[in-house]
Every structure is written in structure tokens, then in C-alpha cells.
N, C-alpha and C. Protein backbone atom coordinates (compact mmCIF):
# COMPACT_ATOMS: atom_id res chain seq x y z
N MET A 1 126.91 -174.31 15.12
CA MET A 1 128.00 -174.43 14.18
C MET A 1 129.29 -174.11 14.92
N PRO A 2 130.31 -174.95 14.84
CA PRO A 2 131.53 -174.70 15.58
C PRO A 2 132.28 -173.50 15.02
N SER A 3 132.96 -172.81 15.92
CA SER A 3 133.79 -171.68 15.50
C SER A 3 135.13 -172.19 15.04
N ILE A 4 135.71 -171.52 14.08
CA ILE A 4 137.04 -171.87 13.60
C ILE A 4 137.84 -170.60 13.49
N SER A 5 139.14 -170.70 13.63
CA SER A 5 139.99 -169.53 13.50
C SER A 5 140.37 -169.34 12.05
N CYS A 6 140.70 -168.13 11.71
CA CYS A 6 141.05 -167.80 10.34
C CYS A 6 142.35 -168.49 9.96
N SER A 7 142.35 -169.16 8.84
CA SER A 7 143.56 -169.79 8.35
C SER A 7 143.85 -169.34 6.93
N ARG A 8 143.11 -168.37 6.48
CA ARG A 8 143.21 -167.93 5.10
C ARG A 8 144.30 -166.89 4.93
N LYS A 9 145.09 -167.00 3.92
CA LYS A 9 146.17 -166.06 3.65
C LYS A 9 145.68 -165.01 2.67
N SER A 10 144.90 -164.06 3.16
CA SER A 10 144.40 -163.01 2.28
C SER A 10 144.60 -161.68 2.95
N SER A 11 143.56 -160.87 3.04
CA SER A 11 143.71 -159.52 3.56
C SER A 11 144.22 -159.50 4.99
N CYS A 12 143.87 -160.51 5.78
CA CYS A 12 144.34 -160.52 7.16
C CYS A 12 145.67 -161.25 7.27
N GLY A 13 146.11 -161.89 6.19
CA GLY A 13 147.37 -162.62 6.20
C GLY A 13 147.35 -163.83 7.11
N GLY A 14 146.14 -164.26 7.50
CA GLY A 14 146.04 -165.39 8.41
C GLY A 14 146.35 -165.01 9.84
N ALA A 15 146.53 -163.71 10.10
CA ALA A 15 146.93 -163.26 11.43
C ALA A 15 145.77 -163.14 12.39
N CYS A 16 144.56 -162.98 11.87
CA CYS A 16 143.44 -162.81 12.80
C CYS A 16 143.14 -164.13 13.49
N ARG A 17 142.84 -164.06 14.75
CA ARG A 17 142.54 -165.26 15.52
C ARG A 17 141.11 -165.24 16.04
N SER A 18 140.33 -164.31 15.52
CA SER A 18 138.95 -164.23 15.98
C SER A 18 138.16 -165.40 15.43
N PRO A 19 137.23 -165.93 16.22
CA PRO A 19 136.43 -167.04 15.73
C PRO A 19 135.52 -166.59 14.60
N CYS A 20 135.39 -167.42 13.60
CA CYS A 20 134.51 -167.12 12.47
C CYS A 20 133.23 -167.93 12.63
N LEU A 21 132.09 -167.31 12.35
CA LEU A 21 130.82 -168.00 12.50
C LEU A 21 130.41 -168.75 11.26
N TRP A 22 130.95 -168.37 10.13
CA TRP A 22 130.52 -168.94 8.86
C TRP A 22 131.71 -169.62 8.20
N PRO A 23 131.64 -170.92 7.95
CA PRO A 23 132.76 -171.60 7.33
C PRO A 23 133.13 -171.04 5.97
N MET A 24 132.15 -170.44 5.26
CA MET A 24 132.47 -169.92 3.94
C MET A 24 133.19 -168.58 4.01
N LEU A 25 133.21 -167.96 5.18
CA LEU A 25 133.84 -166.66 5.37
C LEU A 25 134.95 -166.83 6.39
N LEU A 26 136.14 -167.19 5.95
CA LEU A 26 137.19 -167.56 6.88
C LEU A 26 138.01 -166.39 7.38
N CYS A 27 137.73 -165.19 6.92
CA CYS A 27 138.38 -164.03 7.52
C CYS A 27 137.51 -162.81 7.29
N SER A 28 137.78 -161.77 8.04
CA SER A 28 136.97 -160.56 7.90
C SER A 28 137.28 -159.90 6.57
N PRO A 29 136.32 -159.17 6.01
CA PRO A 29 136.56 -158.51 4.73
C PRO A 29 137.29 -157.18 4.92
N ALA A 30 138.37 -157.20 5.69
CA ALA A 30 139.15 -155.98 5.92
C ALA A 30 139.82 -155.54 4.63
N ASN A 31 140.10 -154.28 4.56
CA ASN A 31 140.77 -153.71 3.39
C ASN A 31 140.01 -153.95 2.10
N GLY A 32 138.67 -154.03 2.20
CA GLY A 32 137.86 -154.18 1.00
C GLY A 32 137.86 -155.56 0.40
N ARG A 33 138.31 -156.55 1.15
CA ARG A 33 138.36 -157.91 0.62
C ARG A 33 137.25 -158.75 1.23
N GLY A 34 136.62 -159.54 0.43
CA GLY A 34 135.58 -160.44 0.90
C GLY A 34 136.09 -161.86 0.92
N PRO A 35 135.21 -162.84 1.00
CA PRO A 35 135.63 -164.22 1.10
C PRO A 35 136.30 -164.75 -0.15
N SER A 36 136.13 -164.09 -1.26
CA SER A 36 136.74 -164.59 -2.49
C SER A 36 137.55 -163.50 -3.18
N GLY A 37 138.19 -162.65 -2.41
CA GLY A 37 139.06 -161.63 -2.98
C GLY A 37 138.49 -160.25 -2.87
N PRO A 38 138.95 -159.35 -3.73
CA PRO A 38 138.51 -157.96 -3.66
C PRO A 38 137.02 -157.82 -3.91
N ARG A 39 136.47 -156.71 -3.42
CA ARG A 39 135.05 -156.45 -3.68
C ARG A 39 134.79 -156.46 -5.16
N ARG A 40 133.62 -156.93 -5.51
CA ARG A 40 133.27 -157.06 -6.92
C ARG A 40 133.19 -155.70 -7.60
N SER A 41 133.63 -155.65 -8.85
CA SER A 41 133.46 -154.43 -9.62
C SER A 41 132.21 -154.52 -10.49
N VAL A 42 131.66 -155.72 -10.61
CA VAL A 42 130.42 -155.89 -11.37
C VAL A 42 129.26 -155.56 -10.45
N PRO A 43 128.16 -155.05 -10.98
CA PRO A 43 127.04 -154.69 -10.12
C PRO A 43 126.43 -155.91 -9.44
N ILE A 44 126.07 -155.74 -8.19
CA ILE A 44 125.40 -156.79 -7.44
C ILE A 44 123.92 -156.74 -7.77
N ARG A 45 123.34 -157.87 -8.05
CA ARG A 45 121.92 -157.95 -8.36
C ARG A 45 121.17 -158.44 -7.13
N CYS A 46 120.86 -157.53 -6.24
CA CYS A 46 120.12 -157.91 -5.04
C CYS A 46 118.63 -157.72 -5.28
N LYS A 47 117.83 -158.41 -4.49
CA LYS A 47 116.38 -158.30 -4.58
C LYS A 47 115.82 -158.09 -3.18
N VAL A 48 114.72 -157.36 -3.11
CA VAL A 48 114.05 -157.14 -1.84
C VAL A 48 113.65 -158.50 -1.25
N GLY A 49 113.91 -158.68 0.04
CA GLY A 49 113.57 -159.92 0.71
C GLY A 49 114.72 -160.90 0.82
N GLU A 50 115.83 -160.64 0.12
CA GLU A 50 116.99 -161.52 0.21
C GLU A 50 117.79 -161.19 1.46
N VAL A 51 118.43 -162.21 2.02
CA VAL A 51 119.35 -162.02 3.13
C VAL A 51 120.76 -162.25 2.59
N TRP A 52 121.63 -161.27 2.85
CA TRP A 52 123.01 -161.30 2.37
C TRP A 52 123.96 -161.14 3.55
N TRP A 53 125.16 -161.69 3.42
CA TRP A 53 126.25 -161.37 4.33
C TRP A 53 126.82 -160.06 3.81
N ALA A 54 127.00 -159.06 4.69
CA ALA A 54 127.42 -157.73 4.25
C ALA A 54 128.51 -157.16 5.15
N ASP A 55 129.38 -156.37 4.54
CA ASP A 55 130.42 -155.64 5.26
C ASP A 55 129.83 -154.30 5.67
N LEU A 56 129.48 -154.16 6.95
CA LEU A 56 128.87 -152.92 7.44
C LEU A 56 129.90 -151.95 8.00
N GLY A 57 131.16 -152.22 7.83
CA GLY A 57 132.21 -151.33 8.32
C GLY A 57 132.77 -151.80 9.65
N MET A 58 133.81 -151.13 10.07
CA MET A 58 134.53 -151.54 11.28
C MET A 58 133.64 -151.55 12.53
N ALA A 59 132.83 -150.53 12.73
CA ALA A 59 132.04 -150.43 13.96
C ALA A 59 130.94 -151.49 14.02
N ALA A 60 130.33 -151.79 12.90
CA ALA A 60 129.18 -152.70 12.90
C ALA A 60 129.55 -154.13 12.55
N LYS A 61 130.73 -154.39 12.09
CA LYS A 61 131.26 -155.69 11.68
C LYS A 61 130.48 -156.27 10.50
N SER A 62 130.90 -157.39 10.01
CA SER A 62 130.19 -158.08 8.94
C SER A 62 129.10 -158.94 9.56
N ARG A 63 127.94 -158.91 8.95
CA ARG A 63 126.81 -159.66 9.50
C ARG A 63 125.76 -159.87 8.42
N PRO A 64 124.80 -160.75 8.67
CA PRO A 64 123.70 -160.90 7.72
C PRO A 64 122.78 -159.69 7.76
N VAL A 65 122.27 -159.31 6.60
CA VAL A 65 121.33 -158.19 6.49
C VAL A 65 120.18 -158.60 5.57
N LEU A 66 119.01 -158.00 5.82
CA LEU A 66 117.85 -158.20 4.97
C LEU A 66 117.75 -157.01 4.03
N VAL A 67 117.67 -157.27 2.72
CA VAL A 67 117.56 -156.19 1.74
C VAL A 67 116.12 -155.69 1.72
N LEU A 68 115.96 -154.38 1.97
CA LEU A 68 114.63 -153.74 1.97
C LEU A 68 114.41 -152.92 0.71
N ALA A 69 115.47 -152.43 0.11
CA ALA A 69 115.40 -151.69 -1.16
C ALA A 69 116.75 -151.83 -1.83
N CYS A 70 116.74 -151.96 -3.15
CA CYS A 70 118.00 -152.07 -3.88
C CYS A 70 117.94 -151.21 -5.13
N PRO A 71 119.12 -150.76 -5.59
CA PRO A 71 119.16 -149.88 -6.76
C PRO A 71 118.57 -150.55 -7.99
N ARG A 72 117.93 -149.74 -8.81
CA ARG A 72 117.34 -150.26 -10.05
C ARG A 72 118.29 -150.11 -11.23
N THR A 73 119.31 -149.29 -11.08
CA THR A 73 120.26 -149.09 -12.18
C THR A 73 121.66 -149.39 -11.70
N ASP A 74 122.61 -149.34 -12.61
CA ASP A 74 124.01 -149.59 -12.28
C ASP A 74 124.74 -148.32 -11.87
N ASP A 75 124.02 -147.25 -11.59
CA ASP A 75 124.61 -145.99 -11.17
C ASP A 75 125.28 -146.18 -9.81
N ALA A 76 126.55 -145.82 -9.71
CA ALA A 76 127.31 -146.02 -8.48
C ALA A 76 126.76 -145.21 -7.31
N ARG A 77 125.96 -144.18 -7.59
CA ARG A 77 125.41 -143.36 -6.51
C ARG A 77 124.19 -143.99 -5.85
N ASN A 78 123.63 -145.02 -6.43
CA ASN A 78 122.46 -145.67 -5.85
C ASN A 78 122.87 -146.53 -4.65
N LEU A 79 122.04 -146.54 -3.64
CA LEU A 79 122.35 -147.25 -2.40
C LEU A 79 121.30 -148.32 -2.12
N ALA A 80 121.74 -149.42 -1.53
CA ALA A 80 120.83 -150.44 -1.03
C ALA A 80 120.43 -150.06 0.39
N VAL A 81 119.20 -150.35 0.77
CA VAL A 81 118.74 -150.13 2.14
C VAL A 81 118.54 -151.50 2.77
N VAL A 82 119.16 -151.71 3.93
CA VAL A 82 119.12 -153.01 4.58
C VAL A 82 118.81 -152.86 6.06
N ALA A 83 118.38 -153.95 6.66
CA ALA A 83 118.21 -154.04 8.11
C ALA A 83 119.07 -155.20 8.60
N PRO A 84 119.85 -154.99 9.65
CA PRO A 84 120.72 -156.06 10.14
C PRO A 84 119.93 -157.17 10.83
N LEU A 85 120.50 -158.37 10.80
CA LEU A 85 119.94 -159.49 11.54
C LEU A 85 120.76 -159.68 12.81
N THR A 86 120.11 -160.17 13.84
CA THR A 86 120.79 -160.46 15.10
C THR A 86 120.33 -161.81 15.62
N SER A 87 121.23 -162.52 16.27
CA SER A 87 120.85 -163.78 16.92
C SER A 87 120.55 -163.52 18.40
N GLN A 88 120.77 -162.30 18.86
CA GLN A 88 120.46 -161.91 20.24
C GLN A 88 119.02 -161.38 20.29
N ILE A 89 118.06 -162.28 20.27
CA ILE A 89 116.65 -161.90 20.21
C ILE A 89 116.19 -161.51 21.61
N ARG A 90 115.76 -160.27 21.74
CA ARG A 90 115.35 -159.75 23.05
C ARG A 90 113.85 -159.46 23.13
N GLY A 91 113.15 -159.58 22.01
CA GLY A 91 111.72 -159.33 21.99
C GLY A 91 111.35 -157.86 22.08
N ARG A 92 112.26 -157.00 21.71
CA ARG A 92 112.02 -155.56 21.75
C ARG A 92 111.21 -155.12 20.54
N PRO A 93 110.52 -153.97 20.67
CA PRO A 93 109.85 -153.42 19.48
C PRO A 93 110.89 -153.18 18.39
N GLY A 94 110.52 -153.47 17.18
CA GLY A 94 111.45 -153.30 16.06
C GLY A 94 112.20 -154.57 15.70
N GLU A 95 112.03 -155.64 16.48
CA GLU A 95 112.62 -156.93 16.14
C GLU A 95 111.55 -157.83 15.54
N VAL A 96 111.89 -158.44 14.42
CA VAL A 96 110.98 -159.38 13.76
C VAL A 96 111.69 -160.73 13.71
N ALA A 97 111.20 -161.68 14.47
CA ALA A 97 111.83 -163.01 14.53
C ALA A 97 111.66 -163.73 13.20
N LEU A 98 112.74 -164.32 12.72
CA LEU A 98 112.69 -165.12 11.49
C LEU A 98 112.49 -166.59 11.81
N GLY A 99 112.75 -166.99 13.05
CA GLY A 99 112.65 -168.40 13.39
C GLY A 99 113.79 -169.17 12.75
N PRO A 100 113.81 -170.47 12.92
CA PRO A 100 114.89 -171.24 12.31
C PRO A 100 114.70 -171.36 10.79
N VAL A 101 115.74 -171.02 10.08
CA VAL A 101 115.77 -171.20 8.63
C VAL A 101 117.07 -171.93 8.30
N ARG A 102 117.07 -172.71 7.26
CA ARG A 102 118.23 -173.57 6.97
C ARG A 102 119.48 -172.80 6.58
N TRP A 103 119.34 -171.54 6.15
CA TRP A 103 120.50 -170.79 5.70
C TRP A 103 121.08 -169.87 6.78
N LEU A 104 120.58 -169.96 8.02
CA LEU A 104 121.17 -169.24 9.15
C LEU A 104 121.53 -170.26 10.23
N PRO A 105 122.70 -170.11 10.88
CA PRO A 105 123.11 -171.10 11.87
C PRO A 105 122.29 -171.08 13.15
N LYS A 106 121.67 -169.92 13.48
CA LYS A 106 120.89 -169.79 14.71
C LYS A 106 119.58 -169.08 14.39
N PRO A 107 118.55 -169.28 15.22
CA PRO A 107 117.35 -168.46 15.06
C PRO A 107 117.75 -166.99 15.18
N SER A 108 117.21 -166.16 14.30
CA SER A 108 117.60 -164.75 14.24
C SER A 108 116.39 -163.86 14.11
N ALA A 109 116.63 -162.57 14.27
CA ALA A 109 115.58 -161.57 14.12
C ALA A 109 116.11 -160.42 13.28
N VAL A 110 115.22 -159.77 12.54
CA VAL A 110 115.55 -158.57 11.79
C VAL A 110 115.37 -157.39 12.73
N ASN A 111 116.37 -156.52 12.81
CA ASN A 111 116.29 -155.33 13.65
C ASN A 111 115.98 -154.14 12.75
N VAL A 112 114.70 -153.77 12.64
CA VAL A 112 114.33 -152.68 11.72
C VAL A 112 114.77 -151.32 12.24
N GLN A 113 115.16 -151.22 13.51
CA GLN A 113 115.68 -149.95 14.03
C GLN A 113 117.11 -149.70 13.58
N GLY A 114 117.78 -150.70 13.04
CA GLY A 114 119.16 -150.56 12.61
C GLY A 114 119.31 -150.35 11.12
N LEU A 115 118.36 -149.70 10.48
CA LEU A 115 118.41 -149.49 9.03
C LEU A 115 119.72 -148.85 8.61
N ALA A 116 120.22 -149.30 7.47
CA ALA A 116 121.46 -148.73 6.92
C ALA A 116 121.32 -148.65 5.41
N SER A 117 121.99 -147.68 4.82
CA SER A 117 122.06 -147.60 3.36
C SER A 117 123.53 -147.56 2.98
N PHE A 118 123.88 -148.31 1.95
CA PHE A 118 125.28 -148.36 1.53
C PHE A 118 125.39 -148.91 0.13
N ASP A 119 126.59 -148.89 -0.38
CA ASP A 119 126.92 -149.39 -1.71
C ASP A 119 126.61 -150.89 -1.78
N PRO A 120 125.82 -151.34 -2.76
CA PRO A 120 125.52 -152.77 -2.87
C PRO A 120 126.76 -153.63 -3.08
N GLY A 121 127.88 -153.02 -3.46
CA GLY A 121 129.13 -153.77 -3.60
C GLY A 121 129.62 -154.34 -2.28
N LYS A 122 129.07 -153.85 -1.16
CA LYS A 122 129.45 -154.38 0.15
C LYS A 122 128.66 -155.64 0.51
N LEU A 123 127.71 -156.01 -0.35
CA LEU A 123 127.02 -157.29 -0.16
C LEU A 123 127.98 -158.37 -0.62
N ILE A 124 128.29 -159.30 0.26
CA ILE A 124 129.36 -160.26 0.00
C ILE A 124 128.84 -161.58 -0.56
N HIS A 125 127.82 -162.13 0.09
CA HIS A 125 127.37 -163.48 -0.27
C HIS A 125 125.88 -163.61 0.04
N ARG A 126 125.10 -164.07 -0.92
CA ARG A 126 123.66 -164.27 -0.70
C ARG A 126 123.45 -165.51 0.15
N LEU A 127 122.65 -165.36 1.21
CA LEU A 127 122.38 -166.48 2.11
C LEU A 127 121.05 -167.15 1.85
N GLY A 128 120.01 -166.36 1.59
CA GLY A 128 118.69 -166.94 1.39
C GLY A 128 117.64 -165.89 1.13
N LEU A 129 116.39 -166.32 1.14
CA LEU A 129 115.25 -165.45 0.84
C LEU A 129 114.21 -165.60 1.94
N CYS A 130 113.71 -164.47 2.44
CA CYS A 130 112.65 -164.50 3.46
C CYS A 130 111.33 -164.90 2.83
N ALA A 131 110.53 -165.60 3.60
CA ALA A 131 109.19 -165.99 3.15
C ALA A 131 108.30 -164.75 3.09
N PRO A 132 107.28 -164.77 2.24
CA PRO A 132 106.38 -163.60 2.13
C PRO A 132 105.77 -163.18 3.46
N GLU A 133 105.39 -164.13 4.32
CA GLU A 133 104.81 -163.75 5.61
C GLU A 133 105.85 -163.08 6.52
N GLN A 134 107.11 -163.47 6.39
CA GLN A 134 108.17 -162.81 7.15
C GLN A 134 108.35 -161.37 6.66
N MET A 135 108.30 -161.17 5.35
CA MET A 135 108.45 -159.82 4.80
C MET A 135 107.27 -158.94 5.21
N GLU A 136 106.07 -159.50 5.28
CA GLU A 136 104.92 -158.72 5.74
C GLU A 136 105.11 -158.27 7.18
N ALA A 137 105.65 -159.15 8.01
CA ALA A 137 105.92 -158.79 9.41
C ALA A 137 106.97 -157.69 9.50
N VAL A 138 107.99 -157.74 8.63
CA VAL A 138 109.02 -156.69 8.60
C VAL A 138 108.39 -155.37 8.15
N LYS A 139 107.55 -155.41 7.12
CA LYS A 139 106.89 -154.19 6.64
C LYS A 139 106.02 -153.57 7.73
N GLN A 140 105.31 -154.41 8.48
CA GLN A 140 104.47 -153.91 9.57
C GLN A 140 105.33 -153.26 10.65
N ALA A 141 106.46 -153.88 10.98
CA ALA A 141 107.36 -153.30 11.98
C ALA A 141 107.92 -151.96 11.50
N LEU A 142 108.20 -151.84 10.20
CA LEU A 142 108.67 -150.57 9.64
C LEU A 142 107.58 -149.50 9.72
N ARG A 143 106.33 -149.89 9.42
CA ARG A 143 105.22 -148.94 9.52
C ARG A 143 105.09 -148.41 10.95
N GLU A 144 105.20 -149.31 11.91
CA GLU A 144 105.10 -148.90 13.32
C GLU A 144 106.28 -148.01 13.72
N LEU A 145 107.48 -148.38 13.31
CA LEU A 145 108.68 -147.60 13.64
C LEU A 145 108.60 -146.19 13.06
N LEU A 146 108.17 -146.09 11.80
CA LEU A 146 108.15 -144.80 11.10
C LEU A 146 106.81 -144.08 11.24
N ASP A 147 105.89 -144.66 11.99
CA ASP A 147 104.56 -144.08 12.22
C ASP A 147 103.85 -143.77 10.90
N LEU A 148 103.83 -144.77 10.02
CA LEU A 148 103.19 -144.61 8.70
C LEU A 148 101.78 -145.16 8.70
């Protein structure tokens, strides 16, 4: 997928010149803004096994994540647990290859060593759903990582 520069007049004011990987996300969600304005105030309805584009903060950047656990209520204190996806597949323990899927631009892997928990409001855009066999492979990698 070709890279394009940000041309959107929103939180970045069109000033960022970093290449964007996703045409639907034309600028970074800086200052709490996502691809369609401010972060949602309505609760996000995520499901285990879904892959979402998420704002992981300045250090981790925005990237696709696999939802491993999501809040059952609308309580603001509940956190979603996710594992980041990477297109830099190195074959290390803790990586579960997803292979080519139509909703990701490159073959990617789930990095179960990079678990994160955060407010589901940082989930920006749903990308797709992992197949049951992919989720079983992720669960097995988690069992090995956590020695369960």
C-alpha cells in the first residue's frame, strides 16, 4: 500500500509530514483525536478476537492490536487487554503469525510479549476478526509466556 503524507486539517493541522500506512487514518491521533475527530465518549463495544487500530500513546505509536479481553460494563475504570501486531516478523517466541488477511496491508504477527491494558476509548477503528485457529495459537503462546 503506498504511503501518503498527511493532508488533513485536524489535530496536526496538516503539519505532519510522516508517511501514513492506512488511507483511512490520514494523521496521527495526537491530542486525543482520531481519524474522525475527538475520541468517542460513547462506550466502545469490542470483542475478544477483533483487531483494532489503537492509540497506544506517544512511545508506542498508533498500531493494530488484537483484543484479548474487553470490559463487560460501561464503567470507565474497566480496561481492555490487547496485544500489538507487527509486520516485522522475526520468528521469536511470543510471535503468532497471522499470515495474509484482507484487512491488513502486510502479513503480520501478534506479539503476545507486548501486552497492554488501557481505556477502550483508545480503540479507533475496527479492522477485522481473527479466525478461531489463529486465536487458539495466540492462547497457546500466552500459556507458554505465562507458564500456565
